[in-house]
Amino acid sequence: SLVGTDSHTTMINGLGVTGWGVGGIEAEATMLGQTITMVLPQVVGFKLTGKLPKIATATDLVLTATALLRKRGVVGKFVEFFGPGCENLSLADRATVSNMSPEYGATMGYFPMD
């Protein structure tokens, strides 16, 4: 797992590594040897099936997913993307979807390793 301070930390979740961002104070405390604690949130599954059309991009996917996940209410939760559609997404596409987790309100959007 990874705890980072950069806004792009969540991109690591596209690789099958759990990672989320923390604030500067928490990061500084950790660098000085203090432990970081957090309650692990609920995990919500998001099943992907099929392939993106040739004219669609990962941004199109994440905008659609964002609308659905906002309706579901995933603020502060982990979203795990799973299903046969995952194998049709490139690493860059997965990283794009993972990086947009703040847009859908989740702590992270995670893709398991293939």
N, C-alpha and C. Protein backbone atom coordinates (compact mmCIF):
# COMPACT_ATOMS: atom_id res chain seq x y z
N SER A 1 0.83 -1.18 0.00
CA SER A 1 0.00 0.00 0.00
C SER A 1 0.88 1.25 0.00
N LEU A 2 0.26 2.36 -0.31
CA LEU A 2 0.98 3.61 -0.45
C LEU A 2 0.13 4.74 0.12
N VAL A 3 0.75 5.62 0.87
CA VAL A 3 0.10 6.84 1.34
C VAL A 3 0.92 7.98 0.77
N GLY A 4 0.29 8.85 0.02
CA GLY A 4 1.01 9.93 -0.64
C GLY A 4 0.39 11.29 -0.39
N THR A 5 1.12 12.32 -0.77
CA THR A 5 0.64 13.69 -0.57
C THR A 5 0.31 14.40 -1.88
N ASP A 6 0.57 13.76 -2.99
CA ASP A 6 0.33 14.38 -4.28
C ASP A 6 -1.09 14.08 -4.75
N SER A 7 -1.68 14.99 -5.49
CA SER A 7 -3.04 14.78 -5.97
C SER A 7 -3.14 13.63 -6.96
N HIS A 8 -2.02 13.19 -7.50
CA HIS A 8 -2.03 12.08 -8.44
C HIS A 8 -1.70 10.74 -7.79
N THR A 9 -1.62 10.71 -6.47
CA THR A 9 -1.32 9.47 -5.76
C THR A 9 -2.29 8.36 -6.14
N THR A 10 -3.55 8.71 -6.35
CA THR A 10 -4.56 7.68 -6.63
C THR A 10 -4.35 6.97 -7.96
N MET A 11 -3.48 7.48 -8.81
CA MET A 11 -3.20 6.79 -10.08
C MET A 11 -2.60 5.41 -9.84
N ILE A 12 -1.92 5.23 -8.71
CA ILE A 12 -1.29 3.95 -8.40
C ILE A 12 -2.31 2.83 -8.30
N ASN A 13 -3.56 3.18 -8.01
CA ASN A 13 -4.61 2.17 -7.88
C ASN A 13 -4.92 1.46 -9.20
N GLY A 14 -4.52 2.05 -10.31
CA GLY A 14 -4.69 1.39 -11.60
C GLY A 14 -3.73 0.22 -11.78
N LEU A 15 -2.68 0.18 -10.96
CA LEU A 15 -1.69 -0.90 -11.00
C LEU A 15 -2.00 -2.05 -10.06
N GLY A 16 -3.07 -1.93 -9.29
CA GLY A 16 -3.38 -2.96 -8.31
C GLY A 16 -2.69 -2.72 -6.97
N VAL A 17 -2.24 -1.51 -6.74
CA VAL A 17 -1.62 -1.12 -5.48
C VAL A 17 -2.58 -0.16 -4.79
N THR A 18 -2.89 -0.42 -3.53
CA THR A 18 -3.78 0.50 -2.83
C THR A 18 -3.03 1.75 -2.42
N GLY A 19 -3.59 2.89 -2.74
CA GLY A 19 -2.95 4.15 -2.39
C GLY A 19 -3.96 5.25 -2.27
N TRP A 20 -3.75 6.14 -1.31
CA TRP A 20 -4.62 7.29 -1.17
C TRP A 20 -3.81 8.44 -0.61
N GLY A 21 -4.32 9.62 -0.82
CA GLY A 21 -3.62 10.82 -0.39
C GLY A 21 -4.00 11.24 1.02
N VAL A 22 -3.05 11.84 1.69
CA VAL A 22 -3.29 12.40 3.02
C VAL A 22 -2.85 13.85 3.01
N GLY A 23 -3.22 14.58 4.03
CA GLY A 23 -2.82 15.98 4.13
C GLY A 23 -1.36 16.13 4.50
N GLY A 24 -0.85 17.33 4.35
CA GLY A 24 0.55 17.63 4.62
C GLY A 24 0.97 17.36 6.05
N ILE A 25 0.11 17.66 7.01
CA ILE A 25 0.45 17.45 8.42
C ILE A 25 0.62 15.96 8.71
N GLU A 26 -0.30 15.14 8.19
CA GLU A 26 -0.20 13.70 8.39
C GLU A 26 1.06 13.15 7.72
N ALA A 27 1.37 13.64 6.53
CA ALA A 27 2.55 13.17 5.82
C ALA A 27 3.82 13.55 6.57
N GLU A 28 3.87 14.77 7.05
CA GLU A 28 5.05 15.21 7.80
C GLU A 28 5.24 14.39 9.06
N ALA A 29 4.16 14.13 9.77
CA ALA A 29 4.24 13.32 10.99
C ALA A 29 4.76 11.92 10.68
N THR A 30 4.30 11.35 9.58
CA THR A 30 4.76 10.01 9.19
C THR A 30 6.23 10.03 8.84
N MET A 31 6.68 11.05 8.13
CA MET A 31 8.11 11.15 7.78
C MET A 31 8.98 11.29 9.02
N LEU A 32 8.40 11.82 10.09
CA LEU A 32 9.14 11.98 11.34
C LEU A 32 8.99 10.76 12.25
N GLY A 33 8.40 9.69 11.72
CA GLY A 33 8.36 8.43 12.45
C GLY A 33 7.07 8.14 13.20
N GLN A 34 6.10 9.02 13.14
CA GLN A 34 4.83 8.74 13.81
C GLN A 34 3.98 7.83 12.92
N THR A 35 3.19 7.01 13.54
CA THR A 35 2.34 6.12 12.76
C THR A 35 1.13 6.89 12.24
N ILE A 36 0.61 6.42 11.15
CA ILE A 36 -0.60 7.00 10.58
C ILE A 36 -1.71 5.97 10.76
N THR A 37 -2.84 6.41 11.23
CA THR A 37 -3.96 5.51 11.41
C THR A 37 -5.16 6.06 10.66
N MET A 38 -5.97 5.16 10.20
CA MET A 38 -7.23 5.56 9.59
C MET A 38 -8.17 4.37 9.64
N VAL A 39 -9.44 4.67 9.68
CA VAL A 39 -10.45 3.64 9.62
C VAL A 39 -10.61 3.27 8.15
N LEU A 40 -10.53 1.98 7.85
CA LEU A 40 -10.70 1.57 6.46
C LEU A 40 -12.17 1.67 6.08
N PRO A 41 -12.44 2.37 4.99
CA PRO A 41 -13.84 2.59 4.59
C PRO A 41 -14.48 1.35 3.97
N GLN A 42 -15.76 1.46 3.77
CA GLN A 42 -16.53 0.44 3.07
C GLN A 42 -16.04 0.36 1.62
N VAL A 43 -16.08 -0.85 1.06
CA VAL A 43 -15.70 -1.06 -0.34
C VAL A 43 -16.97 -1.25 -1.16
N VAL A 44 -17.07 -0.51 -2.25
CA VAL A 44 -18.21 -0.61 -3.17
C VAL A 44 -17.68 -1.15 -4.49
N GLY A 45 -18.30 -2.20 -5.00
CA GLY A 45 -17.88 -2.79 -6.27
C GLY A 45 -18.54 -2.11 -7.45
N PHE A 46 -17.79 -2.01 -8.56
CA PHE A 46 -18.31 -1.43 -9.80
C PHE A 46 -17.92 -2.40 -10.92
N LYS A 47 -18.89 -3.14 -11.42
CA LYS A 47 -18.62 -4.16 -12.43
C LYS A 47 -18.52 -3.56 -13.82
N LEU A 48 -17.42 -3.86 -14.49
CA LEU A 48 -17.21 -3.42 -15.87
C LEU A 48 -17.36 -4.61 -16.80
N THR A 49 -18.13 -4.42 -17.86
CA THR A 49 -18.31 -5.48 -18.86
C THR A 49 -18.06 -4.88 -20.24
N GLY A 50 -17.71 -5.71 -21.18
CA GLY A 50 -17.54 -5.25 -22.56
C GLY A 50 -16.31 -4.41 -22.80
N LYS A 51 -16.34 -3.70 -23.93
CA LYS A 51 -15.23 -2.84 -24.36
C LYS A 51 -15.74 -1.44 -24.63
N LEU A 52 -14.82 -0.49 -24.50
CA LEU A 52 -15.16 0.87 -24.91
C LEU A 52 -15.24 0.92 -26.43
N PRO A 53 -16.20 1.67 -26.97
CA PRO A 53 -16.21 1.85 -28.43
C PRO A 53 -14.91 2.55 -28.87
N LYS A 54 -14.53 2.36 -30.10
CA LYS A 54 -13.27 2.94 -30.60
C LYS A 54 -13.21 4.46 -30.46
N ILE A 55 -14.34 5.10 -30.51
CA ILE A 55 -14.34 6.57 -30.42
C ILE A 55 -14.40 7.07 -28.96
N ALA A 56 -14.51 6.15 -28.01
CA ALA A 56 -14.60 6.53 -26.60
C ALA A 56 -13.22 6.48 -25.94
N THR A 57 -13.04 7.29 -24.91
CA THR A 57 -11.79 7.32 -24.17
C THR A 57 -12.04 6.96 -22.71
N ALA A 58 -10.96 6.82 -21.96
CA ALA A 58 -11.09 6.57 -20.53
C ALA A 58 -11.81 7.73 -19.84
N THR A 59 -11.65 8.92 -20.37
CA THR A 59 -12.36 10.08 -19.80
C THR A 59 -13.87 9.91 -19.96
N ASP A 60 -14.31 9.40 -21.10
CA ASP A 60 -15.73 9.13 -21.30
C ASP A 60 -16.22 8.09 -20.29
N LEU A 61 -15.42 7.06 -20.08
CA LEU A 61 -15.78 6.03 -19.10
C LEU A 61 -15.90 6.62 -17.71
N VAL A 62 -14.91 7.40 -17.32
CA VAL A 62 -14.92 7.93 -15.96
C VAL A 62 -16.04 8.95 -15.75
N LEU A 63 -16.41 9.70 -16.76
CA LEU A 63 -17.53 10.63 -16.62
C LEU A 63 -18.85 9.88 -16.43
N THR A 64 -19.01 8.78 -17.16
CA THR A 64 -20.20 7.95 -16.98
C THR A 64 -20.20 7.30 -15.61
N ALA A 65 -19.05 6.74 -15.22
CA ALA A 65 -18.93 6.11 -13.91
C ALA A 65 -19.16 7.12 -12.79
N THR A 66 -18.66 8.33 -12.97
CA THR A 66 -18.84 9.38 -11.95
C THR A 66 -20.32 9.66 -11.72
N ALA A 67 -21.08 9.78 -12.79
CA ALA A 67 -22.53 10.03 -12.65
C ALA A 67 -23.20 8.90 -11.87
N LEU A 68 -22.85 7.66 -12.19
CA LEU A 68 -23.46 6.51 -11.51
C LEU A 68 -23.02 6.43 -10.05
N LEU A 69 -21.73 6.66 -9.81
CA LEU A 69 -21.21 6.54 -8.44
C LEU A 69 -21.70 7.67 -7.54
N ARG A 70 -21.89 8.85 -8.10
CA ARG A 70 -22.44 9.95 -7.29
C ARG A 70 -23.86 9.63 -6.85
N LYS A 71 -24.64 9.01 -7.74
CA LYS A 71 -26.00 8.60 -7.38
C LYS A 71 -25.97 7.55 -6.27
N ARG A 72 -25.00 6.67 -6.34
CA ARG A 72 -24.86 5.59 -5.34
C ARG A 72 -24.40 6.13 -4.00
N GLY A 73 -23.62 7.19 -4.02
CA GLY A 73 -23.12 7.77 -2.78
C GLY A 73 -21.88 7.07 -2.27
N VAL A 74 -20.74 7.38 -2.87
CA VAL A 74 -19.50 6.70 -2.49
C VAL A 74 -18.50 7.62 -1.79
N VAL A 75 -18.96 8.72 -1.26
CA VAL A 75 -18.07 9.66 -0.59
C VAL A 75 -17.36 8.96 0.56
N GLY A 76 -16.03 9.04 0.55
CA GLY A 76 -15.23 8.44 1.61
C GLY A 76 -15.09 6.94 1.54
N LYS A 77 -15.52 6.32 0.46
CA LYS A 77 -15.45 4.86 0.33
C LYS A 77 -14.38 4.47 -0.68
N PHE A 78 -14.01 3.20 -0.66
CA PHE A 78 -13.15 2.62 -1.68
C PHE A 78 -14.06 2.04 -2.77
N VAL A 79 -13.76 2.33 -4.03
CA VAL A 79 -14.50 1.74 -5.14
C VAL A 79 -13.56 0.76 -5.82
N GLU A 80 -13.99 -0.49 -5.94
CA GLU A 80 -13.19 -1.49 -6.64
C GLU A 80 -13.86 -1.82 -7.96
N PHE A 81 -13.12 -1.59 -9.03
CA PHE A 81 -13.59 -1.92 -10.37
C PHE A 81 -13.22 -3.37 -10.64
N PHE A 82 -14.18 -4.14 -11.13
CA PHE A 82 -13.94 -5.55 -11.37
C PHE A 82 -14.76 -6.00 -12.57
N GLY A 83 -14.57 -7.23 -12.98
CA GLY A 83 -15.35 -7.80 -14.07
C GLY A 83 -14.55 -7.94 -15.35
N PRO A 84 -15.14 -8.60 -16.33
CA PRO A 84 -14.43 -8.90 -17.57
C PRO A 84 -14.04 -7.66 -18.37
N GLY A 85 -14.71 -6.55 -18.16
CA GLY A 85 -14.36 -5.32 -18.87
C GLY A 85 -13.02 -4.74 -18.47
N CYS A 86 -12.52 -5.10 -17.29
CA CYS A 86 -11.23 -4.58 -16.83
C CYS A 86 -10.09 -4.99 -17.75
N GLU A 87 -10.16 -6.21 -18.25
CA GLU A 87 -9.07 -6.70 -19.09
C GLU A 87 -8.98 -5.95 -20.42
N ASN A 88 -10.03 -5.23 -20.78
CA ASN A 88 -10.03 -4.45 -22.02
C ASN A 88 -9.52 -3.03 -21.84
N LEU A 89 -9.14 -2.68 -20.61
CA LEU A 89 -8.62 -1.34 -20.35
C LEU A 89 -7.10 -1.38 -20.21
N SER A 90 -6.45 -0.44 -20.85
CA SER A 90 -4.99 -0.35 -20.73
C SER A 90 -4.63 0.16 -19.33
N LEU A 91 -3.37 0.05 -18.98
CA LEU A 91 -2.91 0.58 -17.70
C LEU A 91 -3.17 2.08 -17.62
N ALA A 92 -2.93 2.78 -18.71
CA ALA A 92 -3.17 4.23 -18.73
C ALA A 92 -4.65 4.55 -18.50
N ASP A 93 -5.54 3.75 -19.10
CA ASP A 93 -6.98 3.95 -18.90
C ASP A 93 -7.36 3.70 -17.45
N ARG A 94 -6.83 2.64 -16.87
CA ARG A 94 -7.11 2.33 -15.46
C ARG A 94 -6.61 3.44 -14.55
N ALA A 95 -5.41 3.95 -14.84
CA ALA A 95 -4.86 5.04 -14.03
C ALA A 95 -5.72 6.29 -14.14
N THR A 96 -6.26 6.54 -15.32
CA THR A 96 -7.14 7.70 -15.51
C THR A 96 -8.39 7.56 -14.67
N VAL A 97 -9.00 6.40 -14.71
CA VAL A 97 -10.22 6.16 -13.93
C VAL A 97 -9.91 6.25 -12.43
N SER A 98 -8.79 5.67 -12.02
CA SER A 98 -8.41 5.72 -10.60
C SER A 98 -8.12 7.15 -10.15
N ASN A 99 -7.45 7.90 -10.99
CA ASN A 99 -7.07 9.27 -10.64
C ASN A 99 -8.27 10.19 -10.46
N MET A 100 -9.39 9.81 -11.04
CA MET A 100 -10.59 10.64 -10.96
C MET A 100 -11.45 10.32 -9.74
N SER A 101 -10.93 9.52 -8.82
CA SER A 101 -11.74 9.16 -7.64
C SER A 101 -12.26 10.37 -6.87
N PRO A 102 -11.51 11.48 -6.75
CA PRO A 102 -12.09 12.64 -6.08
C PRO A 102 -13.33 13.18 -6.80
N GLU A 103 -13.40 12.99 -8.11
CA GLU A 103 -14.55 13.48 -8.87
C GLU A 103 -15.81 12.71 -8.50
N TYR A 104 -15.67 11.41 -8.25
CA TYR A 104 -16.86 10.65 -7.84
C TYR A 104 -16.99 10.55 -6.34
N GLY A 105 -16.05 11.15 -5.60
CA GLY A 105 -16.18 11.29 -4.17
C GLY A 105 -15.53 10.21 -3.34
N ALA A 106 -14.94 9.22 -3.99
CA ALA A 106 -14.36 8.09 -3.26
C ALA A 106 -12.96 8.41 -2.75
N THR A 107 -12.56 7.71 -1.72
CA THR A 107 -11.18 7.82 -1.23
C THR A 107 -10.23 7.27 -2.28
N MET A 108 -10.64 6.19 -2.93
CA MET A 108 -9.85 5.66 -4.04
C MET A 108 -10.73 4.80 -4.94
N GLY A 109 -10.30 4.71 -6.20
CA GLY A 109 -10.88 3.80 -7.17
C GLY A 109 -9.81 2.79 -7.53
N TYR A 110 -10.05 1.53 -7.26
CA TYR A 110 -9.02 0.49 -7.31
C TYR A 110 -9.32 -0.54 -8.40
N PHE A 111 -8.27 -0.93 -9.11
CA PHE A 111 -8.33 -2.03 -10.06
C PHE A 111 -7.44 -3.15 -9.54
N PRO A 112 -7.96 -4.36 -9.36
CA PRO A 112 -7.11 -5.44 -8.90
C PRO A 112 -6.10 -5.83 -9.99
N MET A 113 -5.03 -6.50 -9.57
CA MET A 113 -4.06 -6.98 -10.56
C MET A 113 -4.69 -8.05 -11.42
N ASP A 114 -4.27 -8.10 -12.67
CA ASP A 114 -4.76 -9.14 -13.59
C ASP A 114 -4.17 -10.48 -13.21
